N, C-alpha and C. Protein backbone atom coordinates (compact mmCIF):
# COMPACT_ATOMS: atom_id res chain seq x y z
N MET A 1 100.42 62.42 36.98
CA MET A 1 100.92 61.32 36.56
C MET A 1 101.30 61.59 35.01
N SER A 2 102.68 61.07 34.72
CA SER A 2 103.09 61.18 33.45
C SER A 2 102.29 60.36 32.45
N GLU A 3 102.19 60.82 31.26
CA GLU A 3 101.43 60.32 30.07
C GLU A 3 102.14 58.92 29.87
N SER A 4 103.48 58.94 29.99
CA SER A 4 104.36 57.74 29.66
C SER A 4 104.14 56.40 30.59
N THR A 5 103.54 56.72 31.69
CA THR A 5 103.35 55.73 32.69
C THR A 5 101.94 55.21 32.45
N VAL A 6 101.14 55.70 31.70
CA VAL A 6 99.91 55.09 31.37
C VAL A 6 99.80 54.47 29.89
N PRO A 7 99.55 53.10 29.96
CA PRO A 7 99.49 52.43 28.64
C PRO A 7 98.47 53.03 27.57
N ASN A 8 98.99 53.12 26.39
CA ASN A 8 98.11 53.74 25.39
C ASN A 8 96.59 52.87 25.37
N ILE A 9 96.61 51.55 25.51
CA ILE A 9 95.45 50.96 25.46
C ILE A 9 94.47 51.31 26.55
N VAL A 10 94.97 51.72 27.67
CA VAL A 10 94.08 52.20 28.78
C VAL A 10 93.52 53.52 28.36
N ILE A 11 94.37 54.57 27.82
CA ILE A 11 93.86 55.85 27.20
C ILE A 11 92.78 55.58 26.25
N ARG A 12 92.93 54.55 25.45
CA ARG A 12 91.88 54.42 24.33
C ARG A 12 90.54 53.77 25.04
N ARG A 13 90.66 53.21 26.27
CA ARG A 13 89.38 52.57 26.75
C ARG A 13 88.60 53.75 27.58
N LEU A 14 89.35 54.78 27.98
CA LEU A 14 88.71 55.76 28.59
C LEU A 14 87.53 56.49 28.06
N PRO A 15 87.63 56.82 26.66
CA PRO A 15 86.31 57.34 26.11
C PRO A 15 85.20 56.29 26.01
N LEU A 16 85.42 54.85 26.03
CA LEU A 16 84.59 53.76 26.10
C LEU A 16 83.68 54.03 27.36
N TYR A 17 84.43 54.01 28.48
CA TYR A 17 84.06 54.10 29.75
C TYR A 17 82.96 55.45 29.81
N ALA A 18 83.58 56.72 29.45
CA ALA A 18 82.91 57.83 29.44
C ALA A 18 81.62 57.74 28.75
N ARG A 19 81.70 57.34 27.54
CA ARG A 19 80.48 57.16 26.74
C ARG A 19 79.39 56.24 27.24
N GLU A 20 79.74 55.24 27.82
CA GLU A 20 78.81 54.32 28.43
C GLU A 20 78.34 54.84 29.80
N LEU A 21 79.05 55.60 30.40
CA LEU A 21 78.44 56.25 31.69
C LEU A 21 77.51 57.32 31.35
N GLY A 22 77.73 58.11 30.13
CA GLY A 22 76.93 59.04 29.69
C GLY A 22 75.42 58.27 29.32
N LEU A 23 75.54 57.12 28.70
CA LEU A 23 74.26 56.36 28.38
C LEU A 23 73.46 56.03 29.57
N LEU A 24 74.32 55.56 30.72
CA LEU A 24 73.72 55.26 31.86
C LEU A 24 73.16 56.34 32.73
N GLU A 25 73.92 57.49 32.53
CA GLU A 25 73.08 58.64 33.21
C GLU A 25 71.91 59.07 32.52
N ALA A 26 71.75 58.91 31.15
CA ALA A 26 70.63 59.21 30.47
C ALA A 26 69.46 58.20 30.78
N GLU A 27 69.87 57.09 31.15
CA GLU A 27 68.76 56.08 31.50
C GLU A 27 68.31 56.28 33.00
N GLY A 28 68.99 57.23 33.74
CA GLY A 28 68.56 57.45 35.24
C GLY A 28 69.44 56.55 36.29
N CYS A 29 70.51 55.96 35.80
CA CYS A 29 71.28 55.10 36.63
C CYS A 29 72.29 56.06 37.51
N ALA A 30 72.17 55.80 38.82
CA ALA A 30 73.09 56.73 39.62
C ALA A 30 74.32 56.04 40.06
N TYR A 31 74.29 54.67 40.31
CA TYR A 31 75.33 54.08 40.71
C TYR A 31 75.47 52.75 39.81
N ILE A 32 76.75 52.44 39.73
CA ILE A 32 76.99 51.07 38.85
C ILE A 32 78.28 50.30 39.39
N SER A 33 78.30 49.07 39.45
CA SER A 33 79.37 48.21 40.00
C SER A 33 80.35 48.12 38.65
N SER A 34 81.60 47.79 39.05
CA SER A 34 82.50 47.38 37.97
C SER A 34 82.15 46.15 37.15
N LYS A 35 81.45 45.19 37.90
CA LYS A 35 80.96 44.11 37.26
C LYS A 35 79.85 44.50 36.20
N GLU A 36 78.86 45.25 36.71
CA GLU A 36 77.89 45.70 35.71
C GLU A 36 78.28 46.39 34.52
N LEU A 37 79.33 47.43 34.79
CA LEU A 37 79.88 48.16 33.81
C LEU A 37 80.59 47.30 32.80
N GLY A 38 81.56 46.37 33.31
CA GLY A 38 82.14 45.41 32.44
C GLY A 38 81.17 44.44 31.66
N HIS A 39 80.17 44.11 32.23
CA HIS A 39 79.22 43.35 31.49
C HIS A 39 78.83 44.13 30.16
N ARG A 40 78.45 45.32 30.45
CA ARG A 40 77.96 46.29 29.22
C ARG A 40 78.74 46.38 28.13
N LEU A 41 80.34 46.43 28.60
CA LEU A 41 81.23 46.78 27.64
C LEU A 41 82.10 45.68 27.28
N ASP A 42 81.66 44.32 27.81
CA ASP A 42 82.49 43.26 27.58
C ASP A 42 83.99 43.36 28.00
N VAL A 43 84.12 43.92 29.15
CA VAL A 43 85.52 44.12 29.79
C VAL A 43 85.42 43.54 31.24
N THR A 44 86.42 42.85 31.60
CA THR A 44 86.22 42.27 32.95
C THR A 44 86.31 43.47 33.99
N PRO A 45 85.69 43.19 35.14
CA PRO A 45 85.66 44.18 36.29
C PRO A 45 87.12 44.37 36.66
N ALA A 46 87.90 43.49 36.70
CA ALA A 46 89.37 43.61 37.19
C ALA A 46 90.14 44.62 36.30
N GLN A 47 89.76 44.53 34.96
CA GLN A 47 90.41 45.60 33.92
C GLN A 47 90.05 46.90 34.23
N ILE A 48 88.69 46.97 34.43
CA ILE A 48 88.14 48.35 34.67
C ILE A 48 88.81 49.06 35.93
N ARG A 49 88.79 48.32 36.96
CA ARG A 49 89.47 48.69 38.33
C ARG A 49 91.00 48.99 38.09
N LYS A 50 91.62 48.23 37.22
CA LYS A 50 93.06 48.48 36.97
C LYS A 50 93.31 49.72 36.07
N ASP A 51 92.49 49.94 35.17
CA ASP A 51 92.64 51.04 34.33
C ASP A 51 92.33 52.30 34.96
N LEU A 52 91.28 52.33 35.83
CA LEU A 52 90.89 53.64 36.69
C LEU A 52 91.94 53.80 37.85
N SER A 53 92.65 52.81 38.19
CA SER A 53 93.65 53.01 39.24
C SER A 53 94.80 53.99 38.85
N TYR A 54 95.07 53.96 37.58
CA TYR A 54 96.17 54.84 37.00
C TYR A 54 95.94 56.34 37.39
N PHE A 55 94.76 56.80 37.71
CA PHE A 55 94.20 58.04 37.80
C PHE A 55 93.66 58.38 39.07
N GLY A 56 93.71 57.32 40.10
CA GLY A 56 93.32 57.74 41.53
C GLY A 56 92.30 56.68 41.99
N ARG A 57 91.59 56.96 43.03
CA ARG A 57 90.63 56.29 43.48
C ARG A 57 89.23 56.45 43.21
N PHE A 58 88.44 55.53 42.82
CA PHE A 58 87.17 55.88 42.33
C PHE A 58 86.25 54.57 42.98
N GLY A 59 84.91 55.24 43.19
CA GLY A 59 83.90 54.18 43.72
C GLY A 59 83.90 54.02 45.22
N ARG A 60 82.96 53.28 45.58
CA ARG A 60 82.94 53.02 47.15
C ARG A 60 82.63 51.53 47.33
N GLN A 61 83.23 51.07 48.29
CA GLN A 61 82.85 49.61 48.72
C GLN A 61 81.47 49.41 48.94
N GLY A 62 80.76 48.48 48.32
CA GLY A 62 79.60 48.05 48.44
C GLY A 62 78.43 48.91 47.70
N ARG A 63 78.88 50.00 47.13
CA ARG A 63 78.03 50.91 46.33
C ARG A 63 78.25 51.03 44.93
N GLY A 64 79.52 50.97 44.56
CA GLY A 64 79.98 51.09 43.27
C GLY A 64 80.47 52.38 42.88
N TYR A 65 80.42 52.78 41.51
CA TYR A 65 80.83 54.11 40.95
C TYR A 65 79.68 54.98 40.91
N ASP A 66 79.76 56.22 41.37
CA ASP A 66 78.82 57.38 41.12
C ASP A 66 78.93 57.67 39.60
N VAL A 67 77.93 57.42 38.73
CA VAL A 67 77.94 57.42 37.34
C VAL A 67 78.33 58.76 36.88
N GLY A 68 77.37 59.79 37.43
CA GLY A 68 77.69 61.11 36.92
C GLY A 68 79.14 61.73 37.39
N ASP A 69 79.58 61.34 38.60
CA ASP A 69 80.96 61.89 38.96
C ASP A 69 81.95 61.19 38.17
N LEU A 70 81.90 59.97 37.95
CA LEU A 70 82.94 59.29 37.29
C LEU A 70 83.03 59.75 35.91
N ARG A 71 81.87 59.89 35.28
CA ARG A 71 81.92 60.51 33.87
C ARG A 71 82.54 61.69 33.69
N GLN A 72 82.28 62.63 34.72
CA GLN A 72 82.81 64.05 34.71
C GLN A 72 84.42 63.95 34.91
N ARG A 73 84.86 63.00 35.77
CA ARG A 73 86.10 62.84 36.27
C ARG A 73 86.93 62.49 34.90
N LEU A 74 86.33 61.40 34.21
CA LEU A 74 86.95 60.77 33.10
C LEU A 74 87.19 61.90 31.92
N ARG A 75 86.10 62.57 31.84
CA ARG A 75 86.09 63.73 30.87
C ARG A 75 87.11 64.82 31.02
N ARG A 76 87.35 65.13 32.36
CA ARG A 76 88.27 65.99 32.94
C ARG A 76 89.72 65.55 32.49
N ILE A 77 89.91 64.10 32.72
CA ILE A 77 91.22 63.55 32.55
C ILE A 77 91.61 63.53 31.03
N LEU A 78 90.63 63.44 30.25
CA LEU A 78 90.58 63.37 28.89
C LEU A 78 90.73 64.89 28.27
N GLY A 79 90.62 65.85 29.15
CA GLY A 79 90.65 67.26 28.69
C GLY A 79 89.38 67.56 27.99
N LEU A 80 88.17 67.04 28.29
CA LEU A 80 87.01 67.30 27.78
C LEU A 80 85.95 67.80 28.53
N ASP A 81 86.57 68.56 29.66
CA ASP A 81 85.66 69.20 30.56
C ASP A 81 85.18 70.62 30.33
N GLY A 82 84.51 70.80 29.17
CA GLY A 82 84.18 72.02 28.87
C GLY A 82 84.91 72.99 27.83
N ARG A 83 86.14 72.36 27.71
CA ARG A 83 87.03 73.16 26.68
C ARG A 83 86.84 72.68 25.42
N VAL A 84 86.93 73.64 24.43
CA VAL A 84 86.61 73.31 23.03
C VAL A 84 88.05 72.96 22.37
N GLN A 85 88.06 71.94 21.88
CA GLN A 85 89.25 71.43 21.25
C GLN A 85 89.32 71.98 19.68
N ARG A 86 89.97 72.92 19.32
CA ARG A 86 90.09 73.38 18.03
C ARG A 86 91.04 72.53 17.20
N MET A 87 90.56 72.25 15.81
CA MET A 87 91.30 71.40 14.97
C MET A 87 91.24 71.90 13.63
N VAL A 88 92.04 71.34 12.73
CA VAL A 88 92.11 71.60 11.31
C VAL A 88 91.85 70.31 10.37
N LEU A 89 91.20 70.40 9.35
CA LEU A 89 91.10 69.21 8.62
C LEU A 89 91.62 69.44 7.27
N VAL A 90 92.54 68.45 6.87
CA VAL A 90 93.14 68.69 5.51
C VAL A 90 92.76 67.42 4.62
N GLY A 91 92.18 68.00 3.53
CA GLY A 91 91.40 67.02 2.67
C GLY A 91 89.97 67.07 2.53
N VAL A 92 89.51 67.76 1.50
CA VAL A 92 88.00 67.88 1.55
C VAL A 92 87.50 67.27 0.36
N GLY A 93 87.67 65.97 0.29
CA GLY A 93 87.22 65.02 -0.70
C GLY A 93 85.87 64.48 -0.01
N GLN A 94 85.29 63.40 -0.35
CA GLN A 94 84.22 62.82 -0.05
C GLN A 94 84.14 62.38 1.48
N LEU A 95 85.46 61.95 1.88
CA LEU A 95 85.60 61.63 3.43
C LEU A 95 85.61 62.88 4.19
N GLY A 96 86.52 63.87 3.75
CA GLY A 96 86.64 65.10 4.41
C GLY A 96 85.36 65.76 4.52
N ARG A 97 84.48 65.72 3.57
CA ARG A 97 83.19 66.56 3.75
C ARG A 97 82.27 65.80 4.65
N ALA A 98 82.42 64.37 4.84
CA ALA A 98 81.57 63.69 5.62
C ALA A 98 82.12 64.10 7.16
N VAL A 99 83.19 64.28 7.29
CA VAL A 99 83.86 64.66 8.48
C VAL A 99 83.34 66.12 9.00
N LEU A 100 83.40 66.96 7.99
CA LEU A 100 82.81 68.22 8.28
C LEU A 100 81.31 68.35 8.65
N ASP A 101 80.65 67.46 8.09
CA ASP A 101 79.12 67.34 8.23
C ASP A 101 78.84 66.47 9.46
N TYR A 102 79.79 65.88 10.18
CA TYR A 102 79.49 64.92 11.40
C TYR A 102 79.07 65.90 12.46
N ALA A 103 77.85 65.79 13.12
CA ALA A 103 77.35 66.58 14.11
C ALA A 103 78.00 66.15 15.51
N GLY A 104 78.70 64.92 15.53
CA GLY A 104 79.00 64.45 16.88
C GLY A 104 80.29 65.13 17.32
N PHE A 105 81.12 65.90 16.37
CA PHE A 105 82.29 66.59 16.83
C PHE A 105 82.09 67.74 17.74
N PRO A 106 81.08 68.76 17.19
CA PRO A 106 80.86 69.75 18.01
C PRO A 106 80.11 69.37 19.36
N MET A 107 79.23 68.38 19.24
CA MET A 107 78.55 67.99 20.47
C MET A 107 79.61 67.38 21.48
N GLN A 108 80.58 67.11 21.25
CA GLN A 108 81.75 66.44 22.06
C GLN A 108 82.70 67.48 22.48
N GLY A 109 82.70 68.74 21.82
CA GLY A 109 83.70 69.68 22.06
C GLY A 109 84.61 69.83 21.29
N PHE A 110 84.80 69.14 20.04
CA PHE A 110 85.70 69.33 18.96
C PHE A 110 85.26 70.35 17.79
N HIS A 111 85.93 71.28 17.38
CA HIS A 111 85.53 72.15 16.46
C HIS A 111 86.44 72.36 15.28
N VAL A 112 86.23 71.99 14.03
CA VAL A 112 87.03 72.32 12.93
C VAL A 112 87.00 73.89 12.45
N VAL A 113 88.08 74.40 12.75
CA VAL A 113 88.25 75.86 12.67
C VAL A 113 88.46 76.14 11.06
N ARG A 114 89.31 75.38 10.49
CA ARG A 114 89.60 75.60 9.04
C ARG A 114 89.90 74.42 8.26
N ALA A 115 89.59 74.20 7.16
CA ALA A 115 89.73 73.05 6.20
C ALA A 115 90.70 73.53 5.05
N PHE A 116 91.50 72.43 4.57
CA PHE A 116 92.62 72.92 3.45
C PHE A 116 92.44 71.78 2.45
N ASP A 117 92.62 72.14 1.15
CA ASP A 117 92.62 71.25 0.16
C ASP A 117 93.51 71.89 -1.00
N SER A 118 93.81 70.99 -1.90
CA SER A 118 94.61 71.56 -3.16
C SER A 118 93.55 71.63 -4.30
N ASP A 119 92.37 71.28 -4.39
CA ASP A 119 91.48 71.36 -5.53
C ASP A 119 91.03 72.86 -5.65
N PRO A 120 91.28 73.28 -6.80
CA PRO A 120 90.85 74.90 -6.98
C PRO A 120 89.39 74.89 -6.88
N GLU A 121 88.53 73.81 -7.11
CA GLU A 121 87.05 73.82 -7.13
C GLU A 121 86.57 73.94 -5.87
N VAL A 122 87.19 73.58 -4.75
CA VAL A 122 86.72 73.71 -3.30
C VAL A 122 87.43 74.88 -2.67
N ILE A 123 88.57 75.31 -3.01
CA ILE A 123 89.46 76.28 -2.32
C ILE A 123 88.53 77.61 -2.30
N GLY A 124 88.38 78.23 -1.40
CA GLY A 124 87.45 79.45 -1.17
C GLY A 124 86.18 79.06 -0.89
N ARG A 125 85.74 77.96 -0.83
CA ARG A 125 84.37 77.71 -0.54
C ARG A 125 84.11 77.59 0.82
N VAL A 126 82.95 77.76 1.42
CA VAL A 126 82.69 77.32 2.88
C VAL A 126 81.59 75.94 2.88
N ILE A 127 82.07 75.05 3.38
CA ILE A 127 81.46 73.83 3.53
C ILE A 127 81.17 73.55 4.97
N ALA A 128 79.97 73.19 5.20
CA ALA A 128 79.51 72.86 6.64
C ALA A 128 79.97 74.17 7.43
N ASP A 129 79.86 75.33 7.11
CA ASP A 129 80.28 76.49 7.93
C ASP A 129 81.82 76.60 8.21
N VAL A 130 82.56 75.77 7.42
CA VAL A 130 84.02 75.80 7.48
C VAL A 130 84.66 76.27 6.18
N GLN A 131 85.61 77.43 6.53
CA GLN A 131 86.22 78.02 5.29
C GLN A 131 87.31 76.91 4.83
N VAL A 132 87.29 76.84 3.52
CA VAL A 132 88.36 75.97 2.87
C VAL A 132 89.42 76.73 2.11
N ASP A 133 90.72 76.58 2.67
CA ASP A 133 91.87 77.27 1.98
C ASP A 133 92.71 76.49 1.38
N ASP A 134 93.59 76.96 0.51
CA ASP A 134 94.62 76.28 -0.20
C ASP A 134 95.57 75.61 0.80
N VAL A 135 95.89 74.24 0.55
CA VAL A 135 96.75 73.65 1.60
C VAL A 135 98.19 74.25 1.48
N ALA A 136 98.53 75.06 0.45
CA ALA A 136 99.94 75.77 0.38
C ALA A 136 99.81 76.72 1.47
N ASP A 137 98.63 76.97 1.96
CA ASP A 137 98.66 78.32 3.06
C ASP A 137 98.58 77.73 4.44
N LEU A 138 98.64 76.30 4.55
CA LEU A 138 98.65 75.66 5.95
C LEU A 138 99.54 76.18 6.84
N PRO A 139 100.87 76.05 6.24
CA PRO A 139 102.06 76.50 7.38
C PRO A 139 101.80 77.96 7.83
N GLY A 140 101.43 78.88 6.92
CA GLY A 140 101.27 80.29 7.50
C GLY A 140 99.90 80.27 8.45
N TYR A 141 98.97 79.51 8.31
CA TYR A 141 97.78 79.56 9.06
C TYR A 141 98.12 78.94 10.44
N LEU A 142 99.08 77.88 10.46
CA LEU A 142 99.27 77.20 11.81
C LEU A 142 100.22 78.17 12.60
N GLU A 143 100.92 79.08 11.78
CA GLU A 143 101.86 80.06 12.52
C GLU A 143 101.02 81.03 13.09
N ARG A 144 99.84 81.44 12.50
CA ARG A 144 99.05 82.58 13.01
C ARG A 144 98.02 82.29 14.04
N GLN A 145 97.52 80.91 13.69
CA GLN A 145 96.48 80.46 14.50
C GLN A 145 96.77 78.78 14.98
N PRO A 146 97.77 78.80 16.05
CA PRO A 146 98.10 77.41 16.31
C PRO A 146 97.01 76.58 16.89
N VAL A 147 97.06 75.28 16.42
CA VAL A 147 96.11 74.29 16.82
C VAL A 147 96.90 72.93 17.24
N ALA A 148 96.38 72.10 18.10
CA ALA A 148 96.92 71.01 18.55
C ALA A 148 96.45 69.87 17.77
N LEU A 149 95.37 69.81 17.16
CA LEU A 149 94.66 68.73 16.67
C LEU A 149 94.48 68.89 15.16
N ALA A 150 94.57 67.67 14.23
CA ALA A 150 94.36 67.75 12.89
C ALA A 150 93.80 66.48 12.48
N ILE A 151 92.90 66.50 11.53
CA ILE A 151 92.50 65.35 10.73
C ILE A 151 92.83 65.27 9.40
N VAL A 152 93.38 64.21 8.88
CA VAL A 152 94.05 64.15 7.56
C VAL A 152 93.19 63.11 6.84
N THR A 153 92.64 63.56 5.74
CA THR A 153 91.74 62.68 4.80
C THR A 153 92.17 62.83 3.35
N VAL A 154 93.27 62.90 3.18
CA VAL A 154 94.07 63.19 1.85
C VAL A 154 94.55 61.87 1.23
N PRO A 155 94.66 61.72 -0.07
CA PRO A 155 94.98 60.31 -0.65
C PRO A 155 96.48 60.06 -0.03
N ALA A 156 96.78 58.65 -0.18
CA ALA A 156 97.88 58.18 0.37
C ALA A 156 99.11 58.80 0.10
N ALA A 157 99.18 59.25 -1.34
CA ALA A 157 100.46 59.88 -1.93
C ALA A 157 100.62 61.32 -1.25
N ALA A 158 99.73 61.85 -0.77
CA ALA A 158 100.04 63.23 -0.12
C ALA A 158 100.03 63.19 1.34
N ALA A 159 99.76 62.04 1.97
CA ALA A 159 99.63 62.00 3.45
C ALA A 159 100.95 62.33 4.12
N ARG A 160 102.01 61.77 3.75
CA ARG A 160 103.39 62.04 4.43
C ARG A 160 103.66 63.51 4.40
N SER A 161 103.56 64.07 3.35
CA SER A 161 103.84 65.46 3.15
C SER A 161 103.03 66.17 4.14
N VAL A 162 101.80 66.03 4.24
CA VAL A 162 100.81 66.78 4.88
C VAL A 162 101.25 66.56 6.38
N VAL A 163 101.34 65.37 6.91
CA VAL A 163 101.70 65.07 8.27
C VAL A 163 102.91 66.02 8.69
N GLU A 164 103.92 65.91 7.75
CA GLU A 164 105.11 66.63 8.03
C GLU A 164 104.86 68.08 8.24
N THR A 165 104.19 68.61 7.43
CA THR A 165 103.61 69.94 7.41
C THR A 165 102.95 70.32 8.84
N LEU A 166 101.95 69.45 9.16
CA LEU A 166 101.38 69.74 10.37
C LEU A 166 102.23 69.59 11.60
N VAL A 167 103.23 68.67 11.62
CA VAL A 167 104.13 68.52 12.71
C VAL A 167 105.04 69.63 12.73
N ALA A 168 105.60 70.32 11.63
CA ALA A 168 106.37 71.41 11.67
C ALA A 168 105.67 72.64 12.14
N GLY A 169 104.22 72.66 11.90
CA GLY A 169 103.39 73.83 12.35
C GLY A 169 102.99 73.68 13.84
N GLY A 170 103.47 72.46 14.57
CA GLY A 170 103.19 72.56 16.14
C GLY A 170 102.00 71.71 16.30
N VAL A 171 101.43 71.07 15.48
CA VAL A 171 100.35 70.12 15.72
C VAL A 171 100.86 68.87 16.32
N ASN A 172 100.39 68.41 17.51
CA ASN A 172 101.00 67.22 18.03
C ASN A 172 99.95 66.08 18.24
N ALA A 173 98.72 66.30 17.70
CA ALA A 173 97.80 65.15 17.84
C ALA A 173 97.09 65.12 16.37
N ILE A 174 97.35 63.94 15.61
CA ILE A 174 96.84 63.86 14.20
C ILE A 174 96.14 62.50 14.08
N LEU A 175 94.89 62.74 13.60
CA LEU A 175 94.08 61.57 13.22
C LEU A 175 94.10 61.33 11.82
N SER A 176 94.75 60.28 11.20
CA SER A 176 94.90 60.18 9.68
C SER A 176 94.06 58.94 9.14
N TYR A 177 93.39 59.14 8.14
CA TYR A 177 92.54 58.16 7.40
C TYR A 177 93.38 57.71 6.19
N ALA A 178 94.50 58.09 6.05
CA ALA A 178 95.25 57.88 4.81
C ALA A 178 95.87 56.53 5.06
N PRO A 179 95.69 55.58 4.12
CA PRO A 179 96.39 54.17 4.30
C PRO A 179 97.90 54.05 4.00
N ILE A 180 98.63 54.76 4.94
CA ILE A 180 100.11 54.79 4.72
C ILE A 180 100.83 55.04 6.08
N ALA A 181 102.00 54.13 6.27
CA ALA A 181 102.56 54.19 7.69
C ALA A 181 103.49 55.48 7.65
N THR A 182 103.33 56.39 8.64
CA THR A 182 104.09 57.59 8.55
C THR A 182 104.78 57.70 10.00
N ALA A 183 106.04 57.94 9.99
CA ALA A 183 106.91 58.20 11.13
C ALA A 183 106.59 59.54 11.86
N VAL A 184 106.47 59.84 13.09
CA VAL A 184 106.42 61.12 13.47
C VAL A 184 107.45 61.26 14.75
N PRO A 185 107.98 62.46 15.06
CA PRO A 185 108.67 62.51 16.18
C PRO A 185 108.13 62.27 17.69
N ASP A 186 109.09 62.10 18.68
CA ASP A 186 108.40 61.95 19.90
C ASP A 186 107.73 63.02 20.33
N GLY A 187 106.59 62.69 21.12
CA GLY A 187 105.73 63.94 21.52
C GLY A 187 104.64 64.24 20.60
N VAL A 188 104.67 63.61 19.40
CA VAL A 188 103.51 63.80 18.48
C VAL A 188 102.66 62.55 18.45
N HIS A 189 101.42 62.58 18.60
CA HIS A 189 100.50 61.34 18.53
C HIS A 189 99.77 61.28 17.32
N LEU A 190 100.13 60.20 16.48
CA LEU A 190 99.48 59.86 15.40
C LEU A 190 98.60 58.74 15.28
N ARG A 191 97.52 58.82 15.25
CA ARG A 191 96.53 57.56 15.03
C ARG A 191 96.03 57.43 13.68
N GLN A 192 96.30 56.30 13.22
CA GLN A 192 95.93 56.07 11.79
C GLN A 192 94.78 55.06 11.78
N ILE A 193 93.70 55.38 10.88
CA ILE A 193 92.43 54.50 10.66
C ILE A 193 92.38 54.18 9.24
N ASP A 194 92.50 52.84 8.95
CA ASP A 194 92.37 52.39 7.55
C ASP A 194 91.22 51.48 7.44
N PRO A 195 90.11 52.04 7.05
CA PRO A 195 88.88 51.15 7.08
C PRO A 195 88.95 49.65 6.25
N VAL A 196 89.90 49.98 5.18
CA VAL A 196 89.95 48.66 4.28
C VAL A 196 90.81 47.61 5.17
N MET A 197 91.94 47.90 5.99
CA MET A 197 92.59 47.06 6.70
C MET A 197 91.84 46.48 7.70
N GLU A 198 90.86 47.29 8.41
CA GLU A 198 89.81 46.70 9.42
C GLU A 198 89.11 45.64 8.69
N LEU A 199 88.50 45.99 7.65
CA LEU A 199 87.59 44.95 7.00
C LEU A 199 88.45 43.63 6.58
N GLN A 200 89.71 43.91 6.10
CA GLN A 200 90.37 42.72 5.81
C GLN A 200 90.61 41.79 7.04
N SER A 201 90.92 42.47 8.16
CA SER A 201 90.99 41.57 9.32
C SER A 201 89.64 40.93 9.85
N MET A 202 88.62 41.77 9.64
CA MET A 202 87.31 41.11 9.94
C MET A 202 86.91 39.83 9.07
N ALA A 203 87.44 40.08 7.86
CA ALA A 203 87.23 38.95 6.88
C ALA A 203 87.79 37.63 7.38
N TYR A 204 88.85 37.67 8.15
CA TYR A 204 89.41 36.33 8.72
C TYR A 204 88.15 35.64 9.67
N TYR A 205 87.56 36.42 10.44
CA TYR A 205 86.59 35.88 11.13
C TYR A 205 85.42 35.28 10.44
N ILE A 206 85.02 35.87 9.31
CA ILE A 206 84.17 35.42 8.48
C ILE A 206 84.62 34.12 7.83
N ARG A 207 85.71 34.02 7.43
CA ARG A 207 86.24 32.83 6.83
C ARG A 207 86.32 31.87 7.86
N GLN A 208 86.64 32.05 9.09
CA GLN A 208 86.70 31.06 10.21
C GLN A 208 85.43 30.39 10.31
N GLY A 209 84.36 31.12 10.28
CA GLY A 209 83.04 30.87 10.37
C GLY A 209 82.49 30.02 9.24
N GLU A 210 82.99 30.25 8.07
CA GLU A 210 82.77 29.43 6.99
C GLU A 210 83.32 28.07 7.20
N LEU A 211 84.57 28.06 7.55
CA LEU A 211 85.26 26.80 7.79
C LEU A 211 84.60 25.95 8.89
N ASN A 212 84.40 26.54 9.95
CA ASN A 212 83.59 25.86 11.09
C ASN A 212 82.31 25.21 10.60
N HIS A 213 81.47 26.02 9.87
CA HIS A 213 80.29 25.59 9.25
C HIS A 213 80.51 24.40 8.46
N THR A 214 81.53 24.41 7.63
CA THR A 214 81.73 23.24 6.66
C THR A 214 82.20 22.04 7.40
N ALA A 215 83.01 22.17 8.52
CA ALA A 215 83.47 21.12 9.35
C ALA A 215 82.22 20.49 10.03
N GLU A 216 81.31 21.27 10.46
CA GLU A 216 80.19 20.80 11.07
C GLU A 216 79.12 19.95 10.41
N VAL A 217 79.08 20.32 8.97
CA VAL A 217 78.16 19.63 8.06
C VAL A 217 78.79 18.47 7.40
N GLU A 218 79.97 18.47 7.40
CA GLU A 218 80.65 17.26 6.49
C GLU A 218 80.27 15.89 7.11
N PRO A 219 80.51 15.66 8.34
CA PRO A 219 80.11 14.14 8.71
C PRO A 219 78.82 13.68 8.22
N GLY A 220 77.69 14.57 8.21
CA GLY A 220 76.37 13.98 7.83
C GLY A 220 76.11 13.96 6.37
N GLY A 221 77.38 14.45 5.54
CA GLY A 221 77.13 14.50 4.29
C GLY A 221 76.43 15.75 3.77
């Protein structure tokens, strides 16, 4: 099936399903219904069945999904079936170092093969077993050692230039923590994460809770 026929929101839910199935497998659960899985994930059973239908037939009537089998099939769909996904990191500040130190990446098959920065104090160092090179050498490295994935943790002012360099070097999947909108060509997937914007949107719900609480106490003085 062409990736263009599968909605992006469906692709983003597949890792959630796979992760929850992994937890169920660890708990010794062999089969689970879409209703039970949906309850654990706060997703409707109909949504789960619809999401999975993009990729074939899953589950058995009256028995539900084979937890181990479905998890493996989802990981295969996501390209996580034993293959190591090589990636580069650009930006070795506090956030970049936290990424390098994060043990969850190698556990899930993601391996940072090289890091890049412009700070002379970190260039040439090895941090969390990863060599840090000058960001000026990034184009040459990508030409010699092509990778498909990159994580960008540079300041906003440098983000656009870094993304353009990555795209020119053949990287087609980029996760960026830089708080700036950046356009990329068709065929390149850019996912941007801005923690501040996420917190700002969450503040709305805090405010609504305060307003509701005020409304509830007003009548009684």
